[in-house]
C-alpha cells in the first residue's frame, strides 16, 4: 500500500507539472479579464483630412476594444485632459529615446484622472493617398513603452491592415495586462487574420455591437477555449486542458507499467541461503 501511495503521489505531481506548463504556454484570446483598461485618446497627424482621420481612429478604437476594456469616442471626448497643442503628446516615441517629461506628465495625469492604465499612442501621415500609421502602448503604471508598430495602407485596405497592426501591438502585453518592452507572442490571432479569406474587405469587420461587450458578462476565464467577444472558440485539441489530460494519461500508463513489470514481482525462487557454522 505504501508503494501504491507513493506511485499515486508521483502521478499527481507529474500531472500538475504538465498542467502548469500547458497553462503557461496556452494562448489567450484577449486581456479583458486582466485588471486594466486601455485608451486611445487620439493621434498626432500630418496632412490627413479630418473626416478620414476620425474614421481611422474610430476603427483603431474598435480593434483595441476587441482585446481590452477600452473606451469609445464619446467617452474619450468627455475625459479630463491637460493642454496638448497639436496633439503632440499622442505621438509615439522610440523606446530607446527618453520620454519628454511634459509628455510623460500629461499621459500619467490623464490615466490617473480618467481611470485607465494603458494609453495607445498614435501617429498618422498622408503621403499622397497612402497612409502611414504608427502605434505604441504606454503603461502609465510602470512607465513602460512597447516598440512602435508601423503600417501603411490605402483607404480600401484600411480594415485589414489595421486589424493586423493592432493585433501585433497588443502582443506586447503580458498575461496580467501589463505592457512589455518586447513582444510576448501568446495572443491568439482573430479569425480575420487566421483565415486568408478574411483579410480583405470591410465586410469582415465585426459590428460595433459585437465589440461593445460588458466585461463583467465575460466570466472569469480568458485562457484559450473560452468564448471570445466575437463568438470564436478554440478547438479542443488546441486547449491546454486537452494536452494536460493526454500527459496525465501517459504518466499514469507509464507508472502502472513500471509498477507491475518491475516493482510488483514475486521474489525469485532461485535465491538460496547458506547457514555457515
Protein backbone atom coordinates (compact mmCIF):
# COMPACT_ATOMS: atom_id res chain seq x y z
CA UNK A 1 0.00 0.00 0.00
CA UNK A 2 2.89 2.33 0.77
CA UNK A 3 4.27 1.77 -2.73
CA UNK A 4 0.87 2.43 -4.29
CA UNK A 5 0.52 5.66 -2.29
CA UNK A 6 3.95 6.83 -3.45
CA UNK A 7 3.05 5.99 -7.02
CA UNK A 8 -0.23 7.97 -6.87
CA UNK A 9 1.67 10.93 -5.41
CA UNK A 10 4.18 10.76 -8.27
CA UNK A 11 1.43 10.65 -10.91
CA UNK A 12 -0.37 13.61 -9.29
CA UNK A 13 2.86 15.62 -9.22
CA UNK A 14 3.60 14.93 -12.89
CA UNK A 15 0.04 15.84 -13.85
CA UNK A 16 0.17 19.17 -12.05
CA UNK A 17 3.54 19.96 -13.60
CA UNK A 18 2.23 19.23 -17.10
CA UNK A 19 -0.91 21.24 -16.33
CA UNK A 20 1.07 24.22 -15.06
CA UNK A 21 3.38 24.17 -18.08
CA UNK A 22 0.46 23.85 -20.50
CA UNK A 23 -1.39 26.73 -18.85
CA UNK A 24 1.69 28.93 -19.12
CA UNK A 25 2.06 28.12 -22.81
CA UNK A 26 -1.66 28.42 -23.63
CA UNK A 27 -2.55 31.23 -25.97
CA UNK A 28 -5.05 33.84 -24.84
CA UNK A 29 -7.91 35.39 -26.76
CA UNK A 30 -7.87 38.79 -25.05
CA UNK A 31 -6.98 40.66 -21.87
CA UNK A 32 -10.49 41.55 -20.75
CA UNK A 33 -10.14 39.57 -17.53
CA UNK A 34 -6.98 41.40 -16.52
CA UNK A 35 -7.09 44.42 -14.24
CA UNK A 36 -6.51 47.14 -16.80
CA UNK A 37 -8.23 49.45 -19.26
CA UNK A 38 -6.70 50.93 -22.41
CA UNK A 39 -7.47 54.30 -24.00
CA UNK A 40 -6.76 55.62 -27.47
CA UNK A 41 -7.13 59.29 -26.63
CA UNK A 42 -6.31 60.49 -30.13
CA UNK A 43 -3.47 60.59 -32.63
CA UNK A 44 -0.96 63.13 -33.85
CA UNK A 45 -1.26 63.54 -37.60
CA UNK A 46 0.13 65.31 -40.65
CA UNK A 47 -1.72 66.05 -43.89
CA UNK A 48 -4.62 63.70 -43.04
CA UNK A 49 -8.06 65.07 -43.83
CA UNK A 50 -10.15 65.43 -40.67
CA UNK A 51 -13.01 63.10 -41.63
CA UNK A 52 -10.59 60.37 -42.72
CA UNK A 53 -8.61 60.73 -39.51
CA UNK A 54 -11.79 60.31 -37.48
CA UNK A 55 -12.65 57.13 -39.41
CA UNK A 56 -9.20 55.64 -38.85
CA UNK A 57 -9.16 56.47 -35.14
CA UNK A 58 -12.64 55.01 -34.65
CA UNK A 59 -11.55 51.82 -36.42
CA UNK A 60 -8.49 51.61 -34.20
CA UNK A 61 -10.60 52.07 -31.07
CA UNK A 62 -12.91 49.25 -32.06
CA UNK A 63 -9.98 46.94 -32.68
CA UNK A 64 -8.29 47.84 -29.38
CA UNK A 65 -11.63 47.14 -27.69
CA UNK A 66 -11.54 43.62 -29.10
CA UNK A 67 -8.64 42.82 -26.79
CA UNK A 68 -9.11 45.14 -23.79
CA UNK A 69 -11.70 47.05 -21.81
CA UNK A 70 -11.24 50.27 -23.74
CA UNK A 71 -13.24 53.43 -24.33
CA UNK A 72 -15.38 54.63 -27.21
CA UNK A 73 -15.01 58.01 -28.86
CA UNK A 74 -17.89 59.59 -26.94
CA UNK A 75 -16.35 58.60 -23.61
CA UNK A 76 -12.90 59.87 -24.58
CA UNK A 77 -14.46 63.17 -25.64
CA UNK A 78 -15.56 63.68 -22.04
CA UNK A 79 -12.17 62.90 -20.50
CA UNK A 80 -10.38 65.39 -18.29
CA UNK A 81 -7.14 66.11 -20.20
CA UNK A 82 -4.46 68.74 -19.89
CA UNK A 83 -3.26 71.08 -22.62
CA UNK A 84 -1.96 69.22 -25.67
CA UNK A 85 -1.31 71.65 -28.51
CA UNK A 86 -1.35 69.95 -31.90
CA UNK A 87 -1.97 66.58 -30.17
CA UNK A 88 1.82 66.28 -29.85
CA UNK A 89 1.60 64.22 -26.66
CA UNK A 90 -0.27 61.46 -28.52
CA UNK A 91 2.71 60.74 -30.79
CA UNK A 92 4.70 57.52 -30.22
CA UNK A 93 8.30 57.76 -29.03
CA UNK A 94 11.06 55.28 -29.84
CA UNK A 95 11.68 53.05 -26.78
CA UNK A 96 15.37 53.95 -26.61
CA UNK A 97 14.59 57.69 -26.68
CA UNK A 98 13.89 59.31 -23.28
CA UNK A 99 10.31 60.40 -22.79
CA UNK A 100 9.81 64.14 -22.79
CA UNK A 101 8.91 64.93 -19.20
CA UNK A 102 5.98 67.08 -20.29
CA UNK A 103 4.54 64.22 -22.37
CA UNK A 104 5.04 61.71 -19.55
CA UNK A 105 3.38 64.05 -17.05
CA UNK A 106 0.44 64.61 -19.42
CA UNK A 107 -0.14 60.88 -20.03
CA UNK A 108 0.22 59.82 -16.40
CA UNK A 109 -2.13 62.56 -15.26
CA UNK A 110 -4.62 61.52 -17.94
CA UNK A 111 -4.52 57.93 -16.71
CA UNK A 112 -4.98 58.92 -13.09
CA UNK A 113 -7.77 61.43 -13.75
CA UNK A 114 -9.72 59.16 -16.12
CA UNK A 115 -9.10 55.72 -14.60
CA UNK A 116 -7.17 53.91 -17.30
CA UNK A 117 -3.86 52.07 -17.10
CA UNK A 118 -2.65 51.94 -20.70
CA UNK A 119 -2.70 54.61 -23.39
CA UNK A 120 -2.39 53.85 -27.09
CA UNK A 121 -0.17 56.43 -28.76
CA UNK A 122 -0.74 57.01 -32.46
CA UNK A 123 0.61 58.94 -35.43
CA UNK A 124 -0.87 59.23 -38.95
CA UNK A 125 0.58 60.79 -42.07
CA UNK A 126 -0.93 61.03 -45.56
CA UNK A 127 1.76 60.57 -48.23
CA UNK A 128 -0.19 61.23 -51.40
CA UNK A 129 -3.00 58.75 -50.82
CA UNK A 130 -1.02 56.24 -48.77
CA UNK A 131 -1.48 56.49 -45.01
CA UNK A 132 1.43 55.77 -42.68
CA UNK A 133 0.32 54.62 -39.24
CA UNK A 134 2.41 54.23 -36.06
CA UNK A 135 1.01 52.78 -32.84
CA UNK A 136 2.58 52.25 -29.42
CA UNK A 137 1.42 51.15 -25.96
CA UNK A 138 2.39 53.13 -22.88
CA UNK A 139 1.71 51.71 -19.42
CA UNK A 140 1.23 54.60 -17.02
CA UNK A 141 1.67 52.29 -14.00
CA UNK A 142 5.13 51.03 -14.90
CA UNK A 143 6.28 53.82 -17.25
CA UNK A 144 6.89 51.15 -19.92
CA UNK A 145 6.58 51.64 -23.67
CA UNK A 146 6.19 48.94 -26.28
CA UNK A 147 8.09 49.15 -29.56
CA UNK A 148 6.37 51.18 -32.28
CA UNK A 149 4.27 49.07 -34.66
CA UNK A 150 4.10 50.67 -38.11
CA UNK A 151 1.87 50.06 -41.12
CA UNK A 152 0.98 51.63 -44.46
CA UNK A 153 -2.32 51.37 -46.27
CA UNK A 154 -4.71 52.92 -48.73
CA UNK A 155 -8.28 53.60 -47.73
CA UNK A 156 -9.64 50.47 -49.42
CA UNK A 157 -7.21 48.28 -47.42
CA UNK A 158 -7.65 50.10 -44.12
CA UNK A 159 -9.62 47.46 -42.20
CA UNK A 160 -7.34 44.53 -43.00
CA UNK A 161 -4.11 46.43 -42.34
CA UNK A 162 -5.30 47.97 -39.08
CA UNK A 163 -6.52 44.56 -37.93
CA UNK A 164 -3.02 43.15 -38.23
CA UNK A 165 -1.35 46.26 -36.83
CA UNK A 166 -3.47 46.34 -33.67
CA UNK A 167 -3.08 42.58 -33.16
CA UNK A 168 0.71 42.94 -33.40
CA UNK A 169 0.59 45.87 -30.99
CA UNK A 170 -1.47 44.04 -28.37
CA UNK A 171 1.01 41.15 -28.46
CA UNK A 172 3.24 43.35 -26.28
CA UNK A 173 1.01 42.83 -23.23
CA UNK A 174 1.76 40.12 -20.68
CA UNK A 175 -0.77 37.78 -19.11
CA UNK A 176 -1.52 40.14 -16.24
CA UNK A 177 -2.30 43.01 -18.61
CA UNK A 178 0.95 44.96 -18.27
CA UNK A 179 2.83 46.35 -21.27
CA UNK A 180 6.09 44.58 -22.08
CA UNK A 181 9.14 46.09 -23.74
CA UNK A 182 9.25 43.08 -26.09
CA UNK A 183 6.62 41.02 -27.87
CA UNK A 184 5.04 38.34 -25.64
CA UNK A 185 3.73 36.30 -28.60
CA UNK A 186 0.98 34.29 -26.94
CA UNK A 187 -2.05 36.32 -28.07
CA UNK A 188 -4.22 34.27 -30.39
CA UNK A 189 -4.96 35.98 -33.73
CA UNK A 190 -8.61 36.75 -34.53
CA UNK A 191 -10.43 34.82 -37.23
CA UNK A 192 -9.91 37.62 -39.76
CA UNK A 193 -6.14 37.01 -39.57
CA UNK A 194 -6.33 33.23 -39.24
CA UNK A 195 -8.42 32.88 -42.37
CA UNK A 196 -6.92 34.27 -45.58
CA UNK A 197 -10.38 34.95 -46.98
CA UNK A 198 -10.98 37.29 -44.04
CA UNK A 199 -8.12 39.65 -44.80
CA UNK A 200 -9.84 41.80 -47.34
CA UNK A 201 -12.91 43.99 -47.32
CA UNK A 202 -14.71 45.89 -44.60
CA UNK A 203 -17.50 43.30 -44.64
CA UNK A 204 -15.38 41.02 -42.46
CA UNK A 205 -15.01 43.58 -39.70
CA UNK A 206 -17.15 42.82 -36.61
CA UNK A 207 -20.10 45.05 -35.88
CA UNK A 208 -19.86 47.60 -33.09
CA UNK A 209 -22.38 45.63 -31.05
CA UNK A 210 -20.11 42.56 -31.16
CA UNK A 211 -17.21 44.57 -29.77
CA UNK A 212 -19.12 46.60 -27.19
CA UNK A 213 -19.45 43.84 -24.59
CA UNK A 214 -19.74 44.49 -20.89
CA UNK A 215 -16.56 42.94 -19.39
CA UNK A 216 -18.48 41.75 -16.32
CA UNK A 217 -20.51 39.44 -18.58
CA UNK A 218 -17.48 37.62 -19.94
CA UNK A 219 -16.79 35.44 -16.88
CA UNK A 220 -13.52 34.94 -15.09
CA UNK A 221 -11.62 32.71 -17.53
CA UNK A 222 -9.74 34.08 -20.50
CA UNK A 223 -7.44 31.24 -21.50
CA UNK A 224 -7.84 29.54 -24.86
CA UNK A 225 -11.06 27.57 -25.01
CA UNK A 226 -13.32 30.29 -23.66
CA UNK A 227 -15.80 32.04 -25.92
CA UNK A 228 -14.41 35.26 -27.33
CA UNK A 229 -16.03 38.64 -27.82
CA UNK A 230 -16.81 37.76 -31.42
CA UNK A 231 -18.03 34.27 -30.56
CA UNK A 232 -14.95 32.33 -31.70
CA UNK A 233 -13.94 29.20 -29.81
CA UNK A 234 -10.65 27.34 -29.76
CA UNK A 235 -10.80 23.70 -30.98
CA UNK A 236 -10.44 21.26 -28.08
CA UNK A 237 -7.20 19.84 -29.49
CA UNK A 238 -5.58 23.31 -29.15
CA UNK A 239 -6.53 23.79 -25.49
CA UNK A 240 -4.21 23.34 -22.54
CA UNK A 241 -6.58 21.04 -20.65
CA UNK A 242 -6.68 18.53 -23.56
CA UNK A 243 -2.91 18.16 -23.64
CA UNK A 244 -2.80 18.08 -19.83
CA UNK A 245 -5.18 15.10 -19.93
CA UNK A 246 -3.01 13.38 -22.55
CA UNK A 247 0.14 13.98 -20.48
CA UNK A 248 -1.52 12.73 -17.30
CA UNK A 249 -2.74 9.61 -19.10
CA UNK A 250 0.72 8.85 -20.44
CA UNK A 251 2.25 9.38 -16.98
CA UNK A 252 -0.33 7.07 -15.43
CA UNK A 253 0.19 4.36 -18.07
CA UNK A 254 3.96 4.54 -17.72
CA UNK A 255 3.79 4.39 -13.95
CA UNK A 256 1.44 1.42 -13.92
CA UNK A 257 3.63 -0.43 -16.41
CA UNK A 258 6.72 0.16 -14.28
CA UNK A 259 4.94 -0.89 -11.10
CA UNK A 260 3.52 -4.17 -12.39
CA UNK A 261 6.52 -5.15 -14.54
CA UNK A 262 9.35 -4.15 -12.19
CA UNK A 263 8.14 -3.46 -8.66
CA UNK A 264 5.24 -5.82 -8.10
CA UNK A 265 7.07 -9.07 -8.98
CA UNK A 266 7.36 -12.16 -6.73
CA UNK A 267 10.79 -12.84 -5.30
CA UNK A 268 12.78 -15.32 -7.37
CA UNK A 269 12.89 -18.92 -6.09
CA UNK A 270 16.46 -19.22 -7.29
CA UNK A 271 17.81 -17.43 -4.25
CA UNK A 272 19.48 -19.94 -1.95
CA UNK A 273 20.54 -19.19 1.61
CA UNK A 274 23.53 -20.76 3.32
CA UNK A 275 23.96 -21.09 7.03
CA UNK A 276 27.67 -21.06 7.83
CA UNK A 277 28.95 -22.68 11.03
